[in-house]
């Protein structure tokens, strides 16, 4: 069964930084770490805006998010503290999905950068969009020096974006290299770009307590 993903990107500028960190570290993360099927948890910070955090959870499968253990702390059953944080912060992306490429890969533990790329494709171009992503785009970016992992996901629960790609990198600077630009700017890419919709692109560094 394909690995699953839960990703949450939020702007928490309206929450005191020490409260947001305390909530995540003392309640939110431990709650999820105890749930069977949560395989890893990572927190990232947008390199351009430290008030934007990305939480990333690898799952044994997306079915973990319908388990009794997750339902006890998720969705309508979140804690009062979580409800407060969510009410004060702004959702950028919340994505639940299954890994379509390569299918079973987990997040590398020691990455120094992360690129999140979420989007939709217009219905008329959807089939070619998926061929382009799977046959050219992901393989080309995976081969760029400094790319540690390149994975693609399909949403399994209603969200604004149907597709999400994750790239774990040696550092955020990888996306600014000439090799990355060359791999990502092909004739097929140029053809597909007008069909992309609702795109969210976030370049991240690992979270550190000093944040």
Protein backbone atom coordinates (compact mmCIF):
# COMPACT_ATOMS: atom_id res chain seq x y z
CA UNK A 1 0.00 0.00 0.00
CA UNK A 2 1.27 3.47 -0.91
CA UNK A 3 2.60 5.66 1.86
CA UNK A 4 0.39 8.52 3.02
CA UNK A 5 1.04 12.14 3.88
CA UNK A 6 -0.42 14.79 6.14
CA UNK A 7 0.93 18.28 5.47
CA UNK A 8 -0.17 21.49 7.13
CA UNK A 9 1.22 24.90 6.20
CA UNK A 10 0.05 27.85 8.29
CA UNK A 11 0.84 31.52 8.77
CA UNK A 12 0.92 32.06 12.54
CA UNK A 13 1.88 35.74 12.60
CA UNK A 14 -1.04 36.47 14.94
CA UNK A 15 0.13 33.93 17.52
CA UNK A 16 2.98 34.69 19.91
CA UNK A 17 5.96 32.69 18.69
CA UNK A 18 6.66 31.10 22.07
CA UNK A 19 3.03 29.95 22.37
CA UNK A 20 2.99 28.48 18.87
CA UNK A 21 6.23 26.60 19.52
CA UNK A 22 5.04 25.38 22.93
CA UNK A 23 1.74 24.17 21.47
CA UNK A 24 3.45 22.30 18.65
CA UNK A 25 6.21 20.76 20.75
CA UNK A 26 4.27 19.89 23.91
CA UNK A 27 0.85 18.98 22.55
CA UNK A 28 0.38 18.76 18.79
CA UNK A 29 3.44 16.72 17.87
CA UNK A 30 3.29 14.29 20.83
CA UNK A 31 -0.41 13.62 20.15
CA UNK A 32 0.40 12.52 16.62
CA UNK A 33 3.62 10.69 17.44
CA UNK A 34 1.60 8.31 19.63
CA UNK A 35 -0.78 7.35 16.83
CA UNK A 36 -0.02 4.01 15.14
CA UNK A 37 0.92 4.58 11.50
CA UNK A 38 2.56 7.99 11.96
CA UNK A 39 6.06 7.16 10.73
CA UNK A 40 7.84 10.51 10.93
CA UNK A 41 7.21 14.13 11.80
CA UNK A 42 9.09 17.18 10.55
CA UNK A 43 8.59 20.90 11.00
CA UNK A 44 9.89 23.44 8.53
CA UNK A 45 10.03 27.24 8.25
CA UNK A 46 9.53 29.29 5.10
CA UNK A 47 12.89 30.85 4.18
CA UNK A 48 11.15 34.07 3.15
CA UNK A 49 8.75 34.38 6.11
CA UNK A 50 9.48 32.85 9.54
CA UNK A 51 5.79 33.21 10.45
CA UNK A 52 4.97 30.42 7.98
CA UNK A 53 5.51 26.88 9.27
CA UNK A 54 5.07 23.58 7.45
CA UNK A 55 4.33 20.41 9.42
CA UNK A 56 4.97 17.20 7.53
CA UNK A 57 3.94 13.70 8.63
CA UNK A 58 4.74 10.47 6.78
CA UNK A 59 2.01 7.86 7.23
CA UNK A 60 1.97 4.10 6.75
CA UNK A 61 -1.03 4.86 4.53
CA UNK A 62 -3.56 7.65 4.31
CA UNK A 63 -6.02 5.30 6.05
CA UNK A 64 -4.26 6.20 9.32
CA UNK A 65 -6.25 9.45 9.22
CA UNK A 66 -9.51 7.51 9.56
CA UNK A 67 -8.28 5.39 12.48
CA UNK A 68 -9.93 5.66 15.88
CA UNK A 69 -6.67 6.91 17.38
CA UNK A 70 -6.43 9.83 14.96
CA UNK A 71 -10.13 10.66 15.06
CA UNK A 72 -9.85 10.98 18.85
CA UNK A 73 -7.52 14.00 18.47
CA UNK A 74 -8.20 15.26 14.94
CA UNK A 75 -10.90 17.03 12.94
CA UNK A 76 -13.82 17.87 15.28
CA UNK A 77 -12.04 16.46 18.33
CA UNK A 78 -9.05 18.80 18.46
CA UNK A 79 -8.11 20.21 21.85
CA UNK A 80 -9.12 23.71 23.04
CA UNK A 81 -5.49 24.81 22.60
CA UNK A 82 -5.42 23.53 19.02
CA UNK A 83 -8.73 25.25 18.34
CA UNK A 84 -7.24 28.52 19.61
CA UNK A 85 -4.09 28.22 17.48
CA UNK A 86 -6.07 27.31 14.38
CA UNK A 87 -8.48 30.18 14.97
CA UNK A 88 -5.68 32.72 15.22
CA UNK A 89 -3.53 31.41 12.37
CA UNK A 90 -4.18 31.25 8.64
CA UNK A 91 -4.28 28.02 6.68
CA UNK A 92 -2.13 28.08 3.56
CA UNK A 93 -2.30 24.40 2.63
CA UNK A 94 -3.75 21.39 4.41
CA UNK A 95 -3.17 18.25 2.39
CA UNK A 96 -3.99 14.60 3.01
CA UNK A 97 -2.94 12.22 0.27
CA UNK A 98 -1.36 9.06 -1.04
CA UNK A 99 2.09 8.89 -2.59
CA UNK A 100 1.84 8.25 -6.31
CA UNK A 101 5.55 8.52 -7.14
CA UNK A 102 7.63 6.59 -6.22
CA UNK A 103 5.01 5.16 -3.84
CA UNK A 104 6.83 3.93 -0.72
CA UNK A 105 9.55 6.54 -0.03
CA UNK A 106 9.84 8.25 3.36
CA UNK A 107 11.21 11.69 4.20
CA UNK A 108 14.99 11.68 4.64
CA UNK A 109 15.93 12.57 8.19
CA UNK A 110 18.85 14.95 7.64
CA UNK A 111 17.66 17.24 4.84
CA UNK A 112 18.60 20.90 5.04
CA UNK A 113 15.85 22.17 2.77
CA UNK A 114 12.35 21.38 1.54
CA UNK A 115 10.33 22.54 -1.44
CA UNK A 116 6.54 22.20 -1.22
CA UNK A 117 4.67 22.56 -4.50
CA UNK A 118 0.87 22.18 -4.42
CA UNK A 119 -1.42 22.85 -7.36
CA UNK A 120 -4.31 21.85 -9.56
CA UNK A 121 -4.42 21.30 -13.30
CA UNK A 122 -7.21 22.33 -15.62
CA UNK A 123 -9.47 19.39 -16.47
CA UNK A 124 -8.72 19.56 -20.18
CA UNK A 125 -4.97 19.16 -19.57
CA UNK A 126 -5.10 16.83 -16.57
CA UNK A 127 -3.96 13.65 -18.35
CA UNK A 128 -0.98 15.30 -20.05
CA UNK A 129 -0.17 17.20 -16.85
CA UNK A 130 0.23 13.91 -15.00
CA UNK A 131 2.33 12.38 -17.78
CA UNK A 132 4.61 15.44 -17.75
CA UNK A 133 5.01 15.35 -13.98
CA UNK A 134 5.66 11.62 -13.77
CA UNK A 135 7.70 11.08 -16.92
CA UNK A 136 9.79 14.28 -17.04
CA UNK A 137 9.42 16.76 -14.20
CA UNK A 138 9.93 14.63 -11.09
CA UNK A 139 12.74 12.53 -12.64
CA UNK A 140 14.56 15.66 -13.86
CA UNK A 141 14.42 17.44 -10.50
CA UNK A 142 15.28 14.23 -8.63
CA UNK A 143 18.52 14.10 -10.63
CA UNK A 144 19.63 17.63 -9.73
CA UNK A 145 22.70 17.61 -7.44
CA UNK A 146 21.49 18.31 -3.91
CA UNK A 147 18.05 16.72 -4.30
CA UNK A 148 17.72 14.00 -1.67
CA UNK A 149 14.16 12.86 -2.39
CA UNK A 150 11.42 13.77 -4.86
CA UNK A 151 7.89 12.53 -4.26
CA UNK A 152 4.42 13.18 -5.59
CA UNK A 153 0.99 12.86 -3.94
CA UNK A 154 -2.67 12.79 -4.89
CA UNK A 155 -5.21 14.24 -2.45
CA UNK A 156 -7.60 11.71 -0.93
CA UNK A 157 -9.66 14.23 1.04
CA UNK A 158 -11.18 17.47 -0.15
CA UNK A 159 -8.60 20.23 -0.27
CA UNK A 160 -7.96 23.25 -2.46
CA UNK A 161 -5.08 21.52 -4.27
CA UNK A 162 -5.40 18.04 -5.75
CA UNK A 163 -1.68 17.49 -6.38
CA UNK A 164 1.37 17.98 -4.20
CA UNK A 165 5.07 17.44 -4.83
CA UNK A 166 7.75 17.37 -2.12
CA UNK A 167 11.48 17.77 -2.64
CA UNK A 168 13.88 17.21 0.26
CA UNK A 169 17.13 19.03 -0.44
CA UNK A 170 20.62 19.38 0.95
CA UNK A 171 19.80 23.08 1.47
CA UNK A 172 17.19 25.59 0.28
CA UNK A 173 19.80 27.00 -2.10
CA UNK A 174 19.43 23.95 -4.37
CA UNK A 175 16.33 25.52 -5.95
CA UNK A 176 18.41 28.54 -6.95
CA UNK A 177 21.10 26.60 -8.80
CA UNK A 178 21.59 26.60 -12.55
CA UNK A 179 21.06 22.83 -12.60
CA UNK A 180 17.64 23.19 -10.96
CA UNK A 181 16.62 25.94 -13.37
CA UNK A 182 17.70 23.87 -16.36
CA UNK A 183 15.82 20.77 -15.15
CA UNK A 184 12.66 22.76 -14.49
CA UNK A 185 12.53 24.85 -17.65
CA UNK A 186 11.94 22.44 -20.52
CA UNK A 187 9.67 22.86 -23.55
CA UNK A 188 7.15 20.46 -21.99
CA UNK A 189 7.20 22.46 -18.75
CA UNK A 190 6.58 25.71 -20.63
CA UNK A 191 3.67 24.05 -22.42
CA UNK A 192 2.08 22.84 -19.18
CA UNK A 193 2.56 25.97 -17.09
CA UNK A 194 -0.59 27.79 -18.32
CA UNK A 195 -2.70 24.84 -17.16
CA UNK A 196 -1.54 25.02 -13.53
CA UNK A 197 -4.00 26.53 -11.05
CA UNK A 198 -4.13 27.39 -7.32
CA UNK A 199 -0.39 26.91 -7.02
CA UNK A 200 1.36 27.25 -3.66
CA UNK A 201 5.16 27.08 -3.62
CA UNK A 202 7.06 27.22 -0.32
CA UNK A 203 10.84 26.90 0.06
CA UNK A 204 11.77 25.87 3.61
CA UNK A 205 14.59 25.34 6.05
CA UNK A 206 14.41 23.03 9.08
CA UNK A 207 12.76 24.48 12.17
CA UNK A 208 15.11 25.30 15.04
CA UNK A 209 14.16 26.27 18.58
CA UNK A 210 15.81 29.66 18.03
CA UNK A 211 12.95 30.44 15.62
